[in-house]
Every structure is written in C-alpha cells, then in structure tokens.
Amino acid sequence: MLGNCIIVMGVTSSGKSTVGDALAKAINAKFIDGDDLHPKSNILKMASGHPLNDDDRAPWLERIRDAVFSLTKKNESGVIVCSALKKKYRDIIREGNPNVRFVYLRGDQQLILDRIKARNGHFMKESMVASQFDALEEPNAEETDVITTNIADSVEDIVVGVVDQIACRSQSLKSQQG
C-alpha cells in the first residue's frame, strides 16, 4: 500500500472522518481531514449556511490533489477525506495521481439528516444536506478506482471490507502485470 492514497468521499455526515481515521490506522497511513484544507473563505461561507459552488471548490480540490501528489512522491500512504461529490472533482484529484483510489460512503438522505442532527460543532448545517445530494454524482462502473460501501454498516465492517477490496484489487493488478 506504500505510496498510495485513498480519498474517502461522500456527502456531509456520511462518516468520512470516522471511517477515514479508522482506515488510516488499519493500513498504517497518514490521515488528513480534507476540511482542514478548505480556504478560509469556504469555511466562512459554509458556516453562514451557504453551499459552495464550483469556483469555491476549485482551490480546495487543488489542495487535495497536491496533498495526494506530495504523499506519493514521498512514497507515503495516506487517507484523505473529501466529499468529491462530482466526477469532475474526482478527476481533478486524479490528475497526476495514478495511485489514488476512492472509497464512496453511500447512504440515503434520511440517514444523513438523522446523523447531522446529532452532530455538534461542525460548520455544515442541516439545511445544506439537500444541496449535497443535488450536487452528488455517484461513481459509476467507468470509475474503476472507486470502492462503494454502505454507511449503514458499522465502521469496523466498512474498514474490513475496504481493506479486503484493496487487497483483492492489488492482487488482480499484479496478476495482470506479471
């Protein structure tokens, strides 16, 4: 797994930080919360209850892409959480990063609303959930570097499943190359 990065993606309150942290520990990788890479203007905009647009997201996605690039150039592994809601956002992160993979935390809107109501101290507001689902372009079969998992499962089950799928995909690639 050394020199690879995993982007844990999904809408707000899908469990990206919780799953990402647990996954990073399981595979002995660095953990980076993508929220920490937002420019100040984005944080202030979201905190005031306004959704980000593509122009707002551009510098943030570039920071995510650059973090992936930096980790892989240092031959380090990392897990970065980032909503990556649209395919074009994922493509920006993929640019120049052939060893990046995505884990899509999939869940329905009602489960997300229930989770966000239970959160304290986060800048994402309940009113912004609909905008996240409106923007979401679920990964399709063409995005072969995406593992989809159900957020209704336990964190432990999600992490075990992702680690197993990564191992299977790595073995498959080695077989194809060898």
N, C-alpha and C. Protein backbone atom coordinates (compact mmCIF):
# COMPACT_ATOMS: atom_id res chain seq x y z
N MET A 1 0.82 -1.20 0.00
CA MET A 1 0.00 0.00 0.00
C MET A 1 0.86 1.26 0.00
N LEU A 2 2.16 1.13 0.25
CA LEU A 2 3.04 2.29 0.34
C LEU A 2 3.02 3.09 -0.96
N GLY A 3 2.90 4.42 -0.82
CA GLY A 3 2.90 5.29 -1.97
C GLY A 3 1.54 5.44 -2.63
N ASN A 4 0.50 5.00 -1.95
CA ASN A 4 -0.86 5.12 -2.47
C ASN A 4 -1.68 6.00 -1.54
N CYS A 5 -2.70 6.61 -2.11
CA CYS A 5 -3.61 7.42 -1.31
C CYS A 5 -5.05 6.99 -1.56
N ILE A 6 -5.83 7.08 -0.52
CA ILE A 6 -7.25 6.77 -0.59
C ILE A 6 -8.01 8.04 -0.22
N ILE A 7 -8.97 8.40 -1.06
CA ILE A 7 -9.87 9.50 -0.77
C ILE A 7 -11.17 8.88 -0.28
N VAL A 8 -11.56 9.17 0.96
CA VAL A 8 -12.83 8.70 1.48
C VAL A 8 -13.84 9.81 1.19
N MET A 9 -14.83 9.49 0.36
CA MET A 9 -15.74 10.50 -0.17
C MET A 9 -17.19 10.21 0.17
N GLY A 10 -18.00 11.26 0.08
CA GLY A 10 -19.43 11.14 0.30
C GLY A 10 -19.99 12.47 0.78
N VAL A 11 -21.29 12.51 0.93
CA VAL A 11 -21.94 13.75 1.38
C VAL A 11 -21.61 14.00 2.85
N THR A 12 -21.97 15.16 3.32
CA THR A 12 -21.76 15.52 4.72
C THR A 12 -22.40 14.48 5.64
N SER A 13 -21.76 14.22 6.75
CA SER A 13 -22.26 13.30 7.79
C SER A 13 -22.38 11.85 7.33
N SER A 14 -21.68 11.50 6.27
CA SER A 14 -21.69 10.10 5.83
C SER A 14 -20.68 9.27 6.61
N GLY A 15 -19.86 9.93 7.42
CA GLY A 15 -18.88 9.22 8.24
C GLY A 15 -17.48 9.28 7.68
N LYS A 16 -17.21 10.23 6.79
CA LYS A 16 -15.90 10.29 6.15
C LYS A 16 -14.75 10.36 7.15
N SER A 17 -14.84 11.25 8.11
CA SER A 17 -13.74 11.42 9.07
C SER A 17 -13.58 10.19 9.95
N THR A 18 -14.69 9.65 10.42
CA THR A 18 -14.64 8.47 11.29
C THR A 18 -14.06 7.27 10.55
N VAL A 19 -14.60 7.01 9.36
CA VAL A 19 -14.11 5.89 8.56
C VAL A 19 -12.69 6.14 8.09
N GLY A 20 -12.40 7.36 7.65
CA GLY A 20 -11.06 7.68 7.17
C GLY A 20 -10.00 7.49 8.23
N ASP A 21 -10.28 7.95 9.44
CA ASP A 21 -9.33 7.78 10.54
C ASP A 21 -9.12 6.30 10.86
N ALA A 22 -10.21 5.56 10.93
CA ALA A 22 -10.10 4.12 11.23
C ALA A 22 -9.37 3.38 10.11
N LEU A 23 -9.63 3.75 8.87
CA LEU A 23 -8.96 3.12 7.73
C LEU A 23 -7.47 3.44 7.74
N ALA A 24 -7.13 4.70 8.01
CA ALA A 24 -5.71 5.08 8.08
C ALA A 24 -4.98 4.27 9.14
N LYS A 25 -5.60 4.09 10.30
CA LYS A 25 -4.98 3.29 11.35
C LYS A 25 -4.83 1.84 10.92
N ALA A 26 -5.84 1.31 10.24
CA ALA A 26 -5.82 -0.10 9.83
C ALA A 26 -4.72 -0.39 8.81
N ILE A 27 -4.41 0.59 7.97
CA ILE A 27 -3.39 0.35 6.93
C ILE A 27 -2.09 1.11 7.21
N ASN A 28 -1.99 1.69 8.41
CA ASN A 28 -0.79 2.41 8.83
C ASN A 28 -0.44 3.54 7.85
N ALA A 29 -1.44 4.40 7.61
CA ALA A 29 -1.27 5.52 6.68
C ALA A 29 -1.53 6.83 7.41
N LYS A 30 -1.05 7.91 6.82
CA LYS A 30 -1.35 9.24 7.36
C LYS A 30 -2.83 9.54 7.14
N PHE A 31 -3.42 10.26 8.07
CA PHE A 31 -4.81 10.70 7.94
C PHE A 31 -4.84 12.21 7.78
N ILE A 32 -5.56 12.67 6.76
CA ILE A 32 -5.74 14.11 6.52
C ILE A 32 -7.23 14.37 6.35
N ASP A 33 -7.75 15.26 7.18
CA ASP A 33 -9.14 15.66 7.04
C ASP A 33 -9.20 16.77 6.00
N GLY A 34 -9.84 16.50 4.88
CA GLY A 34 -9.93 17.47 3.80
C GLY A 34 -10.56 18.79 4.22
N ASP A 35 -11.41 18.76 5.25
CA ASP A 35 -11.99 20.02 5.73
C ASP A 35 -10.90 20.99 6.18
N ASP A 36 -9.77 20.45 6.65
CA ASP A 36 -8.66 21.30 7.10
C ASP A 36 -7.94 21.96 5.93
N LEU A 37 -8.22 21.53 4.71
CA LEU A 37 -7.57 22.10 3.54
C LEU A 37 -8.44 23.16 2.84
N HIS A 38 -9.65 23.39 3.35
CA HIS A 38 -10.51 24.45 2.78
C HIS A 38 -9.89 25.82 3.04
N PRO A 39 -9.96 26.70 2.05
CA PRO A 39 -9.57 28.08 2.30
C PRO A 39 -10.53 28.73 3.31
N LYS A 40 -10.05 29.74 3.98
CA LYS A 40 -10.85 30.45 4.98
C LYS A 40 -12.20 30.90 4.41
N SER A 41 -12.20 31.40 3.20
CA SER A 41 -13.45 31.90 2.59
C SER A 41 -14.50 30.80 2.48
N ASN A 42 -14.08 29.57 2.17
CA ASN A 42 -15.03 28.45 2.08
C ASN A 42 -15.62 28.13 3.45
N ILE A 43 -14.77 28.10 4.47
CA ILE A 43 -15.24 27.78 5.82
C ILE A 43 -16.26 28.82 6.27
N LEU A 44 -15.95 30.09 6.03
CA LEU A 44 -16.88 31.14 6.43
C LEU A 44 -18.20 31.06 5.66
N LYS A 45 -18.12 30.72 4.39
CA LYS A 45 -19.33 30.62 3.58
C LYS A 45 -20.21 29.47 4.08
N MET A 46 -19.61 28.31 4.32
CA MET A 46 -20.39 27.16 4.80
C MET A 46 -20.94 27.42 6.20
N ALA A 47 -20.14 28.06 7.05
CA ALA A 47 -20.57 28.35 8.42
C ALA A 47 -21.78 29.28 8.44
N SER A 48 -21.90 30.11 7.40
CA SER A 48 -23.05 31.01 7.34
C SER A 48 -24.26 30.36 6.67
N GLY A 49 -24.13 29.05 6.36
CA GLY A 49 -25.26 28.29 5.82
C GLY A 49 -25.40 28.34 4.32
N HIS A 50 -24.34 28.74 3.62
CA HIS A 50 -24.39 28.82 2.15
C HIS A 50 -23.55 27.70 1.54
N PRO A 51 -24.11 26.99 0.56
CA PRO A 51 -23.34 25.93 -0.08
C PRO A 51 -22.24 26.49 -0.97
N LEU A 52 -21.20 25.71 -1.15
CA LEU A 52 -20.11 26.10 -2.04
C LEU A 52 -20.51 25.86 -3.49
N ASN A 53 -19.95 26.68 -4.38
CA ASN A 53 -20.12 26.43 -5.81
C ASN A 53 -18.79 25.90 -6.37
N ASP A 54 -18.78 25.60 -7.64
CA ASP A 54 -17.58 25.03 -8.25
C ASP A 54 -16.38 25.96 -8.15
N ASP A 55 -16.60 27.27 -8.28
CA ASP A 55 -15.49 28.21 -8.15
C ASP A 55 -14.89 28.18 -6.74
N ASP A 56 -15.77 28.04 -5.73
CA ASP A 56 -15.30 27.95 -4.35
C ASP A 56 -14.48 26.67 -4.14
N ARG A 57 -14.92 25.60 -4.75
CA ARG A 57 -14.28 24.30 -4.53
C ARG A 57 -12.94 24.15 -5.25
N ALA A 58 -12.73 24.90 -6.33
CA ALA A 58 -11.53 24.72 -7.16
C ALA A 58 -10.22 24.77 -6.36
N PRO A 59 -9.96 25.80 -5.55
CA PRO A 59 -8.69 25.81 -4.82
C PRO A 59 -8.60 24.70 -3.79
N TRP A 60 -9.72 24.31 -3.23
CA TRP A 60 -9.74 23.22 -2.24
C TRP A 60 -9.38 21.90 -2.91
N LEU A 61 -9.98 21.62 -4.06
CA LEU A 61 -9.68 20.38 -4.77
C LEU A 61 -8.23 20.33 -5.22
N GLU A 62 -7.67 21.48 -5.60
CA GLU A 62 -6.26 21.54 -5.97
C GLU A 62 -5.38 21.22 -4.76
N ARG A 63 -5.77 21.69 -3.59
CA ARG A 63 -5.02 21.37 -2.36
C ARG A 63 -5.08 19.87 -2.06
N ILE A 64 -6.24 19.27 -2.25
CA ILE A 64 -6.39 17.82 -2.05
C ILE A 64 -5.48 17.08 -3.03
N ARG A 65 -5.57 17.47 -4.31
CA ARG A 65 -4.75 16.83 -5.35
C ARG A 65 -3.27 16.95 -5.01
N ASP A 66 -2.85 18.13 -4.56
CA ASP A 66 -1.44 18.35 -4.23
C ASP A 66 -1.01 17.55 -3.01
N ALA A 67 -1.91 17.36 -2.05
CA ALA A 67 -1.59 16.55 -0.87
C ALA A 67 -1.37 15.10 -1.28
N VAL A 68 -2.22 14.59 -2.18
CA VAL A 68 -2.05 13.22 -2.70
C VAL A 68 -0.71 13.11 -3.41
N PHE A 69 -0.41 14.08 -4.26
CA PHE A 69 0.84 14.07 -5.02
C PHE A 69 2.05 14.08 -4.08
N SER A 70 2.00 14.93 -3.07
CA SER A 70 3.10 15.03 -2.11
C SER A 70 3.33 13.71 -1.38
N LEU A 71 2.26 13.12 -0.92
CA LEU A 71 2.39 11.84 -0.20
C LEU A 71 3.00 10.76 -1.09
N THR A 72 2.49 10.64 -2.31
CA THR A 72 3.00 9.58 -3.18
C THR A 72 4.44 9.84 -3.61
N LYS A 73 4.81 11.10 -3.80
CA LYS A 73 6.20 11.41 -4.17
C LYS A 73 7.17 11.08 -3.04
N LYS A 74 6.67 11.13 -1.80
CA LYS A 74 7.49 10.76 -0.64
C LYS A 74 7.35 9.27 -0.32
N ASN A 75 6.65 8.54 -1.20
CA ASN A 75 6.41 7.11 -1.03
C ASN A 75 5.72 6.81 0.31
N GLU A 76 4.80 7.69 0.66
CA GLU A 76 3.99 7.52 1.86
C GLU A 76 2.56 7.21 1.46
N SER A 77 1.85 6.55 2.33
CA SER A 77 0.44 6.27 2.11
C SER A 77 -0.40 7.23 2.92
N GLY A 78 -1.55 7.57 2.38
CA GLY A 78 -2.42 8.50 3.08
C GLY A 78 -3.88 8.20 2.84
N VAL A 79 -4.69 8.62 3.79
CA VAL A 79 -6.14 8.59 3.67
C VAL A 79 -6.60 10.02 3.87
N ILE A 80 -7.27 10.54 2.86
CA ILE A 80 -7.76 11.92 2.90
C ILE A 80 -9.27 11.89 2.75
N VAL A 81 -9.96 12.61 3.62
CA VAL A 81 -11.41 12.69 3.48
C VAL A 81 -11.76 13.96 2.72
N CYS A 82 -12.67 13.79 1.76
CA CYS A 82 -13.06 14.86 0.86
C CYS A 82 -14.38 14.46 0.23
N SER A 83 -15.35 15.35 0.20
CA SER A 83 -16.67 14.98 -0.32
C SER A 83 -16.59 14.48 -1.76
N ALA A 84 -15.79 15.10 -2.62
CA ALA A 84 -15.60 14.66 -4.01
C ALA A 84 -16.93 14.29 -4.67
N LEU A 85 -17.91 15.17 -4.56
CA LEU A 85 -19.28 14.86 -4.95
C LEU A 85 -19.49 14.65 -6.44
N LYS A 86 -18.73 15.35 -7.27
CA LYS A 86 -18.93 15.24 -8.71
C LYS A 86 -17.74 14.53 -9.35
N LYS A 87 -18.03 13.89 -10.48
CA LYS A 87 -16.96 13.19 -11.19
C LYS A 87 -15.84 14.15 -11.56
N LYS A 88 -16.19 15.37 -11.98
CA LYS A 88 -15.13 16.32 -12.37
C LYS A 88 -14.25 16.68 -11.18
N TYR A 89 -14.79 16.64 -9.97
CA TYR A 89 -13.97 16.89 -8.77
C TYR A 89 -13.00 15.72 -8.57
N ARG A 90 -13.53 14.51 -8.73
CA ARG A 90 -12.66 13.34 -8.58
C ARG A 90 -11.58 13.33 -9.67
N ASP A 91 -11.95 13.78 -10.87
CA ASP A 91 -10.97 13.86 -11.96
C ASP A 91 -9.87 14.87 -11.65
N ILE A 92 -10.21 15.97 -11.00
CA ILE A 92 -9.18 16.95 -10.60
C ILE A 92 -8.20 16.29 -9.64
N ILE A 93 -8.71 15.53 -8.68
CA ILE A 93 -7.85 14.85 -7.71
C ILE A 93 -7.01 13.78 -8.40
N ARG A 94 -7.58 13.08 -9.37
CA ARG A 94 -6.86 12.03 -10.11
C ARG A 94 -5.71 12.60 -10.95
N GLU A 95 -5.83 13.86 -11.37
CA GLU A 95 -4.86 14.47 -12.29
C GLU A 95 -3.44 14.37 -11.74
N GLY A 96 -2.60 13.60 -12.42
CA GLY A 96 -1.21 13.44 -12.00
C GLY A 96 -1.02 12.49 -10.83
N ASN A 97 -2.09 11.80 -10.43
CA ASN A 97 -2.05 10.90 -9.27
C ASN A 97 -2.57 9.51 -9.64
N PRO A 98 -1.78 8.72 -10.36
CA PRO A 98 -2.27 7.42 -10.80
C PRO A 98 -2.52 6.41 -9.67
N ASN A 99 -1.96 6.65 -8.49
CA ASN A 99 -2.12 5.70 -7.39
C ASN A 99 -3.20 6.10 -6.39
N VAL A 100 -4.11 6.98 -6.79
CA VAL A 100 -5.18 7.37 -5.89
C VAL A 100 -6.38 6.45 -6.09
N ARG A 101 -7.05 6.14 -4.98
CA ARG A 101 -8.29 5.36 -5.01
C ARG A 101 -9.33 6.11 -4.20
N PHE A 102 -10.58 5.81 -4.46
CA PHE A 102 -11.68 6.45 -3.75
C PHE A 102 -12.51 5.40 -3.04
N VAL A 103 -12.98 5.75 -1.86
CA VAL A 103 -13.95 4.93 -1.14
C VAL A 103 -15.19 5.81 -0.99
N TYR A 104 -16.27 5.38 -1.63
CA TYR A 104 -17.52 6.14 -1.61
C TYR A 104 -18.43 5.61 -0.50
N LEU A 105 -18.70 6.46 0.47
CA LEU A 105 -19.59 6.12 1.57
C LEU A 105 -21.01 6.49 1.15
N ARG A 106 -21.77 5.47 0.79
CA ARG A 106 -23.10 5.68 0.23
C ARG A 106 -24.18 5.51 1.30
N GLY A 107 -25.10 6.48 1.34
CA GLY A 107 -26.21 6.40 2.28
C GLY A 107 -27.36 7.25 1.80
N ASP A 108 -28.55 6.99 2.33
CA ASP A 108 -29.71 7.76 1.88
C ASP A 108 -29.84 9.07 2.66
N GLN A 109 -30.63 9.97 2.12
CA GLN A 109 -30.73 11.32 2.66
C GLN A 109 -31.30 11.34 4.08
N GLN A 110 -32.25 10.47 4.39
CA GLN A 110 -32.83 10.48 5.73
C GLN A 110 -31.80 10.07 6.78
N LEU A 111 -30.99 9.07 6.48
CA LEU A 111 -29.94 8.65 7.42
C LEU A 111 -28.95 9.80 7.63
N ILE A 112 -28.61 10.49 6.57
CA ILE A 112 -27.69 11.63 6.67
C ILE A 112 -28.31 12.73 7.54
N LEU A 113 -29.57 13.04 7.32
CA LEU A 113 -30.24 14.06 8.13
C LEU A 113 -30.26 13.68 9.61
N ASP A 114 -30.52 12.42 9.90
CA ASP A 114 -30.51 11.95 11.28
C ASP A 114 -29.13 12.13 11.90
N ARG A 115 -28.11 11.82 11.13
CA ARG A 115 -26.74 11.96 11.65
C ARG A 115 -26.36 13.42 11.88
N ILE A 116 -26.72 14.28 10.95
CA ILE A 116 -26.30 15.68 11.09
C ILE A 116 -27.01 16.35 12.27
N LYS A 117 -28.23 15.93 12.55
CA LYS A 117 -28.96 16.47 13.70
C LYS A 117 -28.24 16.12 15.01
N ALA A 118 -27.54 15.00 15.01
CA ALA A 118 -26.85 14.53 16.21
C ALA A 118 -25.45 15.13 16.38
N ARG A 119 -24.97 15.88 15.39
CA ARG A 119 -23.61 16.44 15.44
C ARG A 119 -23.59 17.80 16.11
N ASN A 120 -22.50 18.06 16.80
CA ASN A 120 -22.27 19.38 17.41
C ASN A 120 -20.93 19.91 16.94
N GLY A 121 -20.85 21.22 16.75
CA GLY A 121 -19.57 21.85 16.49
C GLY A 121 -19.03 21.72 15.08
N HIS A 122 -19.84 21.34 14.11
CA HIS A 122 -19.37 21.23 12.73
C HIS A 122 -19.98 22.36 11.92
N PHE A 123 -19.22 22.88 10.95
CA PHE A 123 -19.70 24.04 10.20
C PHE A 123 -20.80 23.71 9.19
N MET A 124 -20.98 22.45 8.85
CA MET A 124 -22.02 22.08 7.89
C MET A 124 -23.37 22.10 8.58
N LYS A 125 -24.32 22.77 7.96
CA LYS A 125 -25.64 22.93 8.54
C LYS A 125 -26.63 21.95 7.91
N GLU A 126 -27.66 21.61 8.69
CA GLU A 126 -28.69 20.67 8.24
C GLU A 126 -29.33 21.12 6.93
N SER A 127 -29.51 22.43 6.79
CA SER A 127 -30.16 22.97 5.59
C SER A 127 -29.35 22.74 4.32
N MET A 128 -28.08 22.39 4.47
CA MET A 128 -27.22 22.22 3.30
C MET A 128 -27.16 20.78 2.80
N VAL A 129 -27.84 19.86 3.50
CA VAL A 129 -27.82 18.45 3.10
C VAL A 129 -28.40 18.28 1.69
N ALA A 130 -29.53 18.93 1.44
CA ALA A 130 -30.17 18.81 0.12
C ALA A 130 -29.22 19.25 -0.99
N SER A 131 -28.46 20.32 -0.74
CA SER A 131 -27.54 20.79 -1.78
C SER A 131 -26.44 19.77 -2.05
N GLN A 132 -26.04 19.04 -1.01
CA GLN A 132 -25.02 18.00 -1.19
C GLN A 132 -25.56 16.87 -2.08
N PHE A 133 -26.80 16.44 -1.81
CA PHE A 133 -27.39 15.39 -2.64
C PHE A 133 -27.68 15.88 -4.06
N ASP A 134 -28.02 17.15 -4.20
CA ASP A 134 -28.24 17.72 -5.54
C ASP A 134 -26.95 17.71 -6.34
N ALA A 135 -25.84 17.98 -5.69
CA ALA A 135 -24.55 18.04 -6.38
C ALA A 135 -23.94 16.65 -6.61
N LEU A 136 -24.36 15.67 -5.82
CA LEU A 136 -23.74 14.34 -5.87
C LEU A 136 -23.93 13.66 -7.23
N GLU A 137 -22.81 13.23 -7.81
CA GLU A 137 -22.80 12.36 -8.98
C GLU A 137 -22.16 11.06 -8.50
N GLU A 138 -23.00 10.08 -8.22
CA GLU A 138 -22.48 8.82 -7.70
C GLU A 138 -21.51 8.20 -8.71
N PRO A 139 -20.41 7.66 -8.21
CA PRO A 139 -19.46 6.99 -9.12
C PRO A 139 -20.15 5.86 -9.87
N ASN A 140 -19.78 5.71 -11.13
CA ASN A 140 -20.35 4.63 -11.94
C ASN A 140 -19.27 3.61 -12.27
N ALA A 141 -19.63 2.61 -13.04
CA ALA A 141 -18.72 1.50 -13.35
C ALA A 141 -17.47 1.94 -14.09
N GLU A 142 -17.53 3.08 -14.79
CA GLU A 142 -16.36 3.58 -15.50
C GLU A 142 -15.26 4.05 -14.56
N GLU A 143 -15.64 4.39 -13.34
CA GLU A 143 -14.66 4.85 -12.35
C GLU A 143 -14.17 3.61 -11.58
N THR A 144 -13.25 2.90 -12.20
CA THR A 144 -12.79 1.62 -11.67
C THR A 144 -11.94 1.75 -10.41
N ASP A 145 -11.57 2.98 -10.06
CA ASP A 145 -10.75 3.21 -8.87
C ASP A 145 -11.61 3.56 -7.65
N VAL A 146 -12.91 3.28 -7.71
CA VAL A 146 -13.83 3.60 -6.62
C VAL A 146 -14.39 2.32 -6.00
N ILE A 147 -14.32 2.26 -4.69
CA ILE A 147 -14.95 1.20 -3.90
C ILE A 147 -16.16 1.83 -3.23
N THR A 148 -17.33 1.26 -3.43
CA THR A 148 -18.55 1.78 -2.82
C THR A 148 -18.93 0.92 -1.63
N THR A 149 -19.28 1.57 -0.53
CA THR A 149 -19.67 0.86 0.68
C THR A 149 -20.89 1.53 1.30
N ASN A 150 -21.67 0.77 2.05
CA ASN A 150 -22.91 1.26 2.64
C ASN A 150 -22.64 1.80 4.04
N ILE A 151 -23.05 3.05 4.29
CA ILE A 151 -22.79 3.67 5.59
C ILE A 151 -23.67 3.13 6.70
N ALA A 152 -24.65 2.31 6.37
CA ALA A 152 -25.47 1.70 7.42
C ALA A 152 -24.68 0.60 8.15
N ASP A 153 -23.60 0.12 7.53
CA ASP A 153 -22.73 -0.88 8.16
C ASP A 153 -21.92 -0.22 9.27
N SER A 154 -21.38 -1.03 10.16
CA SER A 154 -20.53 -0.49 11.23
C SER A 154 -19.21 0.00 10.63
N VAL A 155 -18.57 0.91 11.35
CA VAL A 155 -17.27 1.42 10.90
C VAL A 155 -16.29 0.26 10.74
N GLU A 156 -16.29 -0.65 11.68
CA GLU A 156 -15.38 -1.80 11.62
C GLU A 156 -15.62 -2.63 10.37
N ASP A 157 -16.90 -2.90 10.06
CA ASP A 157 -17.22 -3.69 8.86
C ASP A 157 -16.84 -2.95 7.59
N ILE A 158 -17.05 -1.64 7.57
CA ILE A 158 -16.67 -0.85 6.40
C ILE A 158 -15.16 -0.92 6.18
N VAL A 159 -14.39 -0.72 7.24
CA VAL A 159 -12.93 -0.73 7.12
C VAL A 159 -12.43 -2.11 6.67
N VAL A 160 -12.92 -3.17 7.28
CA VAL A 160 -12.51 -4.53 6.89
C VAL A 160 -12.84 -4.78 5.42
N GLY A 161 -14.04 -4.38 5.00
CA GLY A 161 -14.45 -4.57 3.61
C GLY A 161 -13.59 -3.80 2.63
N VAL A 162 -13.26 -2.56 2.98
CA VAL A 162 -12.42 -1.73 2.11
C VAL A 162 -11.01 -2.32 2.03
N VAL A 163 -10.44 -2.68 3.16
CA VAL A 163 -9.09 -3.26 3.16
C VAL A 163 -9.07 -4.54 2.31
N ASP A 164 -10.10 -5.37 2.45
CA ASP A 164 -10.18 -6.60 1.65
C ASP A 164 -10.27 -6.29 0.15
N GLN A 165 -11.10 -5.31 -0.19
CA GLN A 165 -11.24 -4.96 -1.62
C GLN A 165 -9.96 -4.37 -2.19
N ILE A 166 -9.26 -3.57 -1.40
CA ILE A 166 -7.99 -3.01 -1.86
C ILE A 166 -6.99 -4.14 -2.10
N ALA A 167 -6.92 -5.08 -1.18
CA ALA A 167 -6.01 -6.22 -1.32
C ALA A 167 -6.35 -7.04 -2.56
N CYS A 168 -7.64 -7.28 -2.79
CA CYS A 168 -8.06 -8.04 -3.97
C CYS A 168 -7.70 -7.31 -5.26
N ARG A 169 -7.93 -6.01 -5.28
CA ARG A 169 -7.62 -5.23 -6.48
C ARG A 169 -6.12 -5.17 -6.73
N SER A 170 -5.34 -5.07 -5.65
CA SER A 170 -3.88 -5.05 -5.80
C SER A 170 -3.39 -6.38 -6.35
N GLN A 171 -3.93 -7.48 -5.85
CA GLN A 171 -3.56 -8.81 -6.35
C GLN A 171 -3.93 -8.95 -7.82
N SER A 172 -5.10 -8.47 -8.19
CA SER A 172 -5.57 -8.55 -9.57
C SER A 172 -4.65 -7.76 -10.49
N LEU A 173 -4.24 -6.57 -10.05
CA LEU A 173 -3.32 -5.75 -10.86
C LEU A 173 -1.96 -6.44 -11.02
N LYS A 174 -1.48 -7.03 -9.94
CA LYS A 174 -0.19 -7.73 -10.02
C LYS A 174 -0.27 -8.90 -10.97
N SER A 175 -1.39 -9.62 -10.96
CA SER A 175 -1.58 -10.76 -11.86
C SER A 175 -1.61 -10.30 -13.31
N GLN A 176 -2.26 -9.16 -13.57
CA GLN A 176 -2.35 -8.64 -14.93
C GLN A 176 -1.00 -8.17 -15.43
N GLN A 177 -0.18 -7.62 -14.53
CA GLN A 177 1.12 -7.08 -14.90
C GLN A 177 2.18 -8.17 -15.01
N GLY A 178 2.01 -9.24 -14.23
CA GLY A 178 3.03 -10.26 -14.12
C GLY A 178 2.96 -11.29 -15.14
